[in-house]
Amino acid sequence: MLAGFAAAATGDWLLAIRCSPPGSGGFVAGVGCFAAAHLLWMAGQIREARPNMRAFIAAAIPLLLFAGVPLAQRLKPATAAAVVIYAAVSALGLAMAVGTRRRIYTAGIALLLFSDMMIGCRMLHVPGCGALVGPTYIAAQICLLRSCFCRREPRFRRRHGGGEG
């Protein structure tokens, strides 16, 4: 988990602090660092659970459509490919978080995806989305840090009776 935070911090440095413009090598590297963070976080959870495929499909369809259509049209091909790959890894990260049934961890990953969507909307010049990026990203990091150091994290309960719901 901590290696994932290091990868995310590197991505933050490249994208937020250095302000690497879309299409630059720094931007692609920053997106790659965030994908690496998700992969490292998933690796830390693999002993606990397997990805929830329903959650993967539910997250992957809108994320990939958003990254692959409106965002890809505004980006260079290499950058668009990196963003689409990151969207797929993010959807898998959410599916893994749901599979762990850990409430705080799942909330952190979900907030991170929301923040990413707001960054994409800001890149598309959608009004009002830029103001949501910082607070949701900070809330996501707080949840993920809390989850990292919480030994007995609250879990989602399985529903009994009618199957999965």
Protein backbone atom coordinates (compact mmCIF):
# COMPACT_ATOMS: atom_id res chain seq x y z
CA MET A 1 0.00 0.00 0.00
CA LEU A 2 2.77 2.43 0.88
CA ALA A 3 4.50 1.83 -2.47
CA GLY A 4 1.21 2.82 -4.10
CA PHE A 5 1.23 6.09 -2.19
CA ALA A 6 4.79 6.72 -3.40
CA ALA A 7 3.69 6.15 -7.00
CA ALA A 8 0.68 8.45 -6.50
CA ALA A 9 2.92 11.13 -4.97
CA THR A 10 5.19 10.91 -8.00
CA GLY A 11 2.16 11.30 -10.26
CA ASP A 12 1.03 14.29 -8.20
CA TRP A 13 4.46 15.85 -8.57
CA LEU A 14 4.44 15.39 -12.35
CA LEU A 15 0.85 16.52 -12.94
CA ALA A 16 -0.09 18.91 -10.15
CA ILE A 17 3.19 20.47 -9.09
CA ARG A 18 5.12 20.48 -12.37
CA CYS A 19 1.86 21.11 -14.27
CA SER A 20 2.89 18.87 -17.16
CA PRO A 21 0.62 19.78 -20.07
CA PRO A 22 -1.48 17.08 -21.76
CA GLY A 23 0.53 15.50 -24.53
CA SER A 24 3.88 15.96 -22.82
CA GLY A 25 6.08 13.15 -21.60
CA GLY A 26 5.57 14.34 -18.04
CA PHE A 27 1.80 14.02 -18.42
CA VAL A 28 2.04 10.46 -19.77
CA ALA A 29 4.50 9.56 -16.99
CA GLY A 30 2.16 11.07 -14.37
CA VAL A 31 -0.77 9.05 -15.67
CA GLY A 32 1.49 5.99 -15.64
CA CYS A 33 2.41 6.66 -12.01
CA PHE A 34 -1.26 6.76 -11.05
CA ALA A 35 -1.88 3.48 -12.91
CA ALA A 36 1.10 2.00 -11.05
CA ALA A 37 -0.40 3.22 -7.76
CA HIS A 38 -3.67 1.40 -8.52
CA LEU A 39 -1.77 -1.77 -9.47
CA LEU A 40 0.27 -1.63 -6.27
CA TRP A 41 -2.83 -1.08 -4.15
CA MET A 42 -4.51 -4.02 -5.90
CA ALA A 43 -1.45 -6.18 -5.26
CA GLY A 44 -1.76 -5.35 -1.59
CA GLN A 45 -5.36 -6.54 -1.59
CA ILE A 46 -5.01 -9.69 -3.71
CA ARG A 47 -4.66 -11.97 -0.67
CA GLU A 48 -7.93 -10.66 0.66
CA ALA A 49 -10.24 -10.76 -2.33
CA ARG A 50 -10.73 -11.06 -6.04
CA PRO A 51 -12.21 -8.31 -8.22
CA ASN A 52 -15.98 -8.01 -8.26
CA MET A 53 -16.78 -8.38 -11.97
CA ARG A 54 -20.12 -6.58 -11.71
CA ALA A 55 -18.35 -3.56 -10.23
CA PHE A 56 -15.70 -3.80 -12.95
CA ILE A 57 -18.28 -3.72 -15.74
CA ALA A 58 -20.26 -0.96 -14.04
CA ALA A 59 -17.13 1.20 -13.72
CA ALA A 60 -15.35 0.22 -16.93
CA ILE A 61 -18.13 1.07 -19.37
CA PRO A 62 -18.56 4.75 -18.42
CA LEU A 63 -14.86 5.30 -17.67
CA LEU A 64 -13.69 3.79 -20.96
CA LEU A 65 -16.36 5.59 -22.95
CA PHE A 66 -15.44 8.89 -21.32
CA ALA A 67 -11.69 8.38 -21.75
CA GLY A 68 -11.99 6.84 -25.20
CA VAL A 69 -14.35 9.26 -26.89
CA PRO A 70 -14.43 12.90 -25.70
CA LEU A 71 -11.02 12.90 -24.00
CA ALA A 72 -9.22 10.92 -26.70
CA GLN A 73 -10.39 13.40 -29.34
CA ARG A 74 -8.58 16.22 -27.53
CA LEU A 75 -5.35 14.36 -26.80
CA LYS A 76 -2.41 13.12 -28.82
CA PRO A 77 -2.63 9.38 -29.62
CA ALA A 78 0.02 8.30 -27.08
CA THR A 79 -1.56 10.40 -24.36
CA ALA A 80 -5.05 9.15 -25.25
CA ALA A 81 -3.81 5.55 -25.06
CA ALA A 82 -2.29 6.19 -21.62
CA VAL A 83 -5.54 7.74 -20.38
CA VAL A 84 -7.64 4.83 -21.71
CA ILE A 85 -5.29 2.28 -20.11
CA TYR A 86 -5.46 4.23 -16.84
CA ALA A 87 -9.28 4.21 -17.03
CA ALA A 88 -9.25 0.40 -17.40
CA VAL A 89 -6.82 -0.01 -14.50
CA SER A 90 -8.94 2.36 -12.39
CA ALA A 91 -12.08 0.32 -13.09
CA LEU A 92 -10.21 -2.83 -12.07
CA GLY A 93 -9.02 -1.05 -8.93
CA LEU A 94 -12.60 -0.23 -7.99
CA ALA A 95 -13.65 -3.81 -8.69
CA MET A 96 -10.88 -5.05 -6.40
CA ALA A 97 -11.90 -2.57 -3.69
CA VAL A 98 -15.51 -3.75 -3.86
CA GLY A 99 -14.26 -7.34 -3.72
CA THR A 100 -12.44 -6.67 -0.44
CA ARG A 101 -15.71 -5.38 1.08
CA ARG A 102 -13.63 -2.83 3.04
CA ARG A 103 -15.74 0.31 3.43
CA ILE A 104 -13.06 2.97 3.84
CA TYR A 105 -10.78 1.54 1.14
CA THR A 106 -13.69 1.27 -1.32
CA ALA A 107 -14.79 4.83 -0.54
CA GLY A 108 -11.23 6.05 -1.16
CA ILE A 109 -10.98 4.34 -4.55
CA ALA A 110 -14.46 5.55 -5.54
CA LEU A 111 -13.58 9.14 -4.58
CA LEU A 112 -10.35 8.82 -6.54
CA LEU A 113 -12.28 7.78 -9.64
CA PHE A 114 -14.70 10.68 -9.15
CA SER A 115 -11.75 13.06 -8.87
CA ASP A 116 -10.29 11.60 -12.08
CA MET A 117 -13.59 12.14 -13.87
CA MET A 118 -13.63 15.76 -12.69
CA ILE A 119 -10.07 16.21 -14.00
CA GLY A 120 -11.24 14.87 -17.36
CA CYS A 121 -14.23 17.21 -17.32
CA ARG A 122 -11.92 20.11 -16.51
CA MET A 123 -9.77 19.13 -19.53
CA LEU A 124 -12.96 19.29 -21.61
CA HIS A 125 -13.71 22.75 -20.12
CA VAL A 126 -16.92 21.68 -18.38
CA PRO A 127 -17.82 24.54 -16.02
CA GLY A 128 -17.65 23.93 -12.27
CA CYS A 129 -15.77 20.64 -12.37
CA GLY A 130 -12.37 22.10 -11.52
CA ALA A 131 -13.55 23.12 -8.06
CA LEU A 132 -14.41 19.51 -7.20
CA VAL A 133 -11.01 18.03 -8.07
CA GLY A 134 -9.01 19.10 -5.01
CA PRO A 135 -11.53 18.28 -2.27
CA THR A 136 -12.43 14.88 -3.69
CA TYR A 137 -8.79 13.96 -4.29
CA ILE A 138 -7.80 14.93 -0.75
CA ALA A 139 -10.79 13.02 0.67
CA ALA A 140 -9.75 9.98 -1.40
CA GLN A 141 -6.19 10.11 -0.10
CA ILE A 142 -7.41 10.48 3.49
CA CYS A 143 -9.66 7.42 3.10
CA LEU A 144 -6.86 5.38 1.51
CA LEU A 145 -4.36 6.38 4.20
CA ARG A 146 -6.90 5.60 6.91
CA SER A 147 -7.53 2.23 5.33
CA CYS A 148 -3.82 1.52 5.11
CA PHE A 149 -3.36 1.93 8.84
CA CYS A 150 -6.70 0.56 10.03
CA ARG A 151 -6.34 -3.06 11.15
CA ARG A 152 -10.02 -3.78 11.63
CA GLU A 153 -11.68 -1.79 8.93
CA PRO A 154 -15.49 -1.89 8.77
CA ARG A 155 -16.76 -4.25 6.07
CA PHE A 156 -19.79 -4.28 3.85
CA ARG A 157 -22.17 -7.02 4.93
CA ARG A 158 -23.32 -9.64 2.50
CA ARG A 159 -27.02 -9.68 1.85
CA HIS A 160 -28.78 -12.90 2.72
CA GLY A 161 -31.76 -14.37 0.95
CA GLY A 162 -32.14 -12.96 -2.56
CA GLY A 163 -28.57 -13.41 -3.80
CA GLU A 164 -26.30 -10.53 -4.70
CA GLY A 165 -27.93 -7.17 -4.95
